[in-house]
Amino acid sequence: MMTITSVPPSPQAQAMLKALQTAVANSLDKKQKLGQYAVIWQNGQPVQTGSDAPKATQ
Protein backbone atom coordinates (compact mmCIF):
# COMPACT_ATOMS: atom_id res chain seq x y z
CA MET A 1 0.00 0.00 0.00
CA MET A 2 1.32 3.43 -0.91
CA THR A 3 1.37 6.14 1.73
CA ILE A 4 0.62 9.67 0.57
CA THR A 5 2.17 12.49 2.58
CA SER A 6 1.81 16.24 2.41
CA VAL A 7 5.45 16.93 3.25
CA PRO A 8 7.30 18.51 0.33
CA PRO A 9 10.07 16.36 -1.14
CA SER A 10 13.63 16.95 0.00
CA PRO A 11 16.04 18.84 -2.27
CA GLN A 12 17.75 15.51 -3.03
CA ALA A 13 14.44 13.91 -4.05
CA GLN A 14 13.61 16.94 -6.22
CA ALA A 15 17.02 16.66 -7.93
CA MET A 16 16.48 12.94 -8.57
CA LEU A 17 13.02 13.58 -10.02
CA LYS A 18 14.38 16.30 -12.30
CA ALA A 19 17.18 14.00 -13.48
CA LEU A 20 14.70 11.21 -14.26
CA GLN A 21 12.35 13.58 -16.09
CA THR A 22 15.25 14.91 -18.18
CA ALA A 23 16.45 11.38 -19.00
CA VAL A 24 12.98 10.28 -20.12
CA ALA A 25 12.44 13.42 -22.19
CA ASN A 26 15.82 12.92 -23.88
CA SER A 27 15.04 9.25 -24.60
CA LEU A 28 11.64 10.05 -26.09
CA ASP A 29 13.16 12.84 -28.20
CA LYS A 30 15.88 10.50 -29.46
CA LYS A 31 13.33 7.80 -30.35
CA GLN A 32 11.26 10.36 -32.24
CA LYS A 33 14.28 11.62 -34.19
CA LEU A 34 15.22 8.04 -35.09
CA GLY A 35 11.66 7.35 -36.25
CA GLN A 36 11.03 4.76 -33.56
CA TYR A 37 7.80 4.35 -31.66
CA ALA A 38 7.54 4.57 -27.89
CA VAL A 39 5.19 2.99 -25.37
CA ILE A 40 3.80 5.42 -22.81
CA TRP A 41 1.16 5.21 -20.08
CA GLN A 42 -1.96 7.23 -20.89
CA ASN A 43 -5.38 7.15 -19.20
CA GLY A 44 -4.47 4.01 -17.27
CA GLN A 45 -3.44 2.09 -20.41
CA PRO A 46 -0.15 1.52 -22.25
CA VAL A 47 -0.23 3.36 -25.59
CA GLN A 48 2.16 2.99 -28.54
CA THR A 49 3.00 6.36 -30.10
CA GLY A 50 4.93 7.25 -33.22
CA SER A 51 4.56 6.89 -36.95
CA ASP A 52 5.84 3.29 -37.00
CA ALA A 53 3.85 2.07 -33.98
CA PRO A 54 2.19 -1.32 -34.53
CA LYS A 55 -1.53 -1.09 -35.15
CA ALA A 56 -3.66 -2.07 -32.15
CA THR A 57 -5.72 -5.21 -32.63
CA GLN A 58 -8.80 -5.96 -30.57
C-alpha atoms as a PDB file:
ATOM      1  CA  MET A   1       0.000   0.000   0.000  1.00  0.00           C
ATOM      2  CA  MET A   2       1.321   3.433  -0.907  1.00  0.00           C
ATOM      3  CA  THR A   3       1.374   6.143   1.731  1.00  0.00           C
ATOM      4  CA  ILE A   4       0.620   9.666   0.573  1.00  0.00           C
ATOM      5  CA  THR A   5       2.166  12.490   2.583  1.00  0.00           C
ATOM      6  CA  SER A   6       1.806  16.241   2.407  1.00  0.00           C
ATOM      7  CA  VAL A   7       5.452  16.927   3.253  1.00  0.00           C
ATOM      8  CA  PRO A   8       7.304  18.511   0.327  1.00  0.00           C
ATOM      9  CA  PRO A   9      10.073  16.359  -1.145  1.00  0.00           C
ATOM     10  CA  SER A  10      13.633  16.954  -0.005  1.00  0.00           C
ATOM     11  CA  PRO A  11      16.041  18.839  -2.266  1.00  0.00           C
ATOM     12  CA  GLN A  12      17.753  15.508  -3.034  1.00  0.00           C
ATOM     13  CA  ALA A  13      14.444  13.914  -4.051  1.00  0.00           C
ATOM     14  CA  GLN A  14      13.613  16.935  -6.220  1.00  0.00           C
ATOM     15  CA  ALA A  15      17.021  16.662  -7.927  1.00  0.00           C
ATOM     16  CA  MET A  16      16.476  12.938  -8.571  1.00  0.00           C
ATOM     17  CA  LEU A  17      13.016  13.577 -10.017  1.00  0.00           C
ATOM     18  CA  LYS A  18      14.378  16.300 -12.301  1.00  0.00           C
ATOM     19  CA  ALA A  19      17.180  13.999 -13.483  1.00  0.00           C
ATOM     20  CA  LEU A  20      14.697  11.208 -14.259  1.00  0.00           C
ATOM     21  CA  GLN A  21      12.353  13.585 -16.092  1.00  0.00           C
ATOM     22  CA  THR A  22      15.250  14.905 -18.177  1.00  0.00           C
ATOM     23  CA  ALA A  23      16.452  11.383 -19.004  1.00  0.00           C
ATOM     24  CA  VAL A  24      12.977  10.280 -20.118  1.00  0.00           C
ATOM     25  CA  ALA A  25      12.442  13.424 -22.189  1.00  0.00           C
ATOM     26  CA  ASN A  26      15.824  12.917 -23.880  1.00  0.00           C
ATOM     27  CA  SER A  27      15.036   9.250 -24.602  1.00  0.00           C
ATOM     28  CA  LEU A  28      11.642  10.052 -26.094  1.00  0.00           C
ATOM     29  CA  ASP A  29      13.156  12.843 -28.197  1.00  0.00           C
ATOM     30  CA  LYS A  30      15.877  10.503 -29.463  1.00  0.00           C
ATOM     31  CA  LYS A  31      13.334   7.798 -30.354  1.00  0.00           C
ATOM     32  CA  GLN A  32      11.259  10.361 -32.237  1.00  0.00           C
ATOM     33  CA  LYS A  33      14.278  11.620 -34.188  1.00  0.00           C
ATOM     34  CA  LEU A  34      15.224   8.039 -35.094  1.00  0.00           C
ATOM     35  CA  GLY A  35      11.659   7.351 -36.251  1.00  0.00           C
ATOM     36  CA  GLN A  36      11.032   4.758 -33.560  1.00  0.00           C
ATOM     37  CA  TYR A  37       7.801   4.345 -31.660  1.00  0.00           C
ATOM     38  CA  ALA A  38       7.539   4.567 -27.885  1.00  0.00           C
ATOM     39  CA  VAL A  39       5.186   2.986 -25.370  1.00  0.00           C
ATOM     40  CA  ILE A  40       3.800   5.417 -22.808  1.00  0.00           C
ATOM     41  CA  TRP A  41       1.158   5.211 -20.081  1.00  0.00           C
ATOM     42  CA  GLN A  42      -1.965   7.234 -20.887  1.00  0.00           C
ATOM     43  CA  ASN A  43      -5.381   7.150 -19.199  1.00  0.00           C
ATOM     44  CA  GLY A  44      -4.472   4.008 -17.271  1.00  0.00           C
ATOM     45  CA  GLN A  45      -3.435   2.091 -20.406  1.00  0.00           C
ATOM     46  CA  PRO A  46      -0.150   1.524 -22.252  1.00  0.00           C
ATOM     47  CA  VAL A  47      -0.227   3.362 -25.594  1.00  0.00           C
ATOM     48  CA  GLN A  48       2.157   2.986 -28.542  1.00  0.00           C
ATOM     49  CA  THR A  49       2.996   6.355 -30.099  1.00  0.00           C
ATOM     50  CA  GLY A  50       4.929   7.246 -33.219  1.00  0.00           C
ATOM     51  CA  SER A  51       4.560   6.888 -36.945  1.00  0.00           C
ATOM     52  CA  ASP A  52       5.843   3.288 -36.996  1.00  0.00           C
ATOM     53  CA  ALA A  53       3.849   2.066 -33.985  1.00  0.00           C
ATOM     54  CA  PRO A  54       2.191  -1.316 -34.531  1.00  0.00           C
ATOM     55  CA  LYS A  55      -1.532  -1.093 -35.150  1.00  0.00           C
ATOM     56  CA  ALA A  56      -3.662  -2.074 -32.146  1.00  0.00           C
ATOM     57  CA  THR A  57      -5.717  -5.212 -32.632  1.00  0.00           C
ATOM     58  CA  GLN A  58      -8.798  -5.963 -30.566  1.00  0.00           C
END
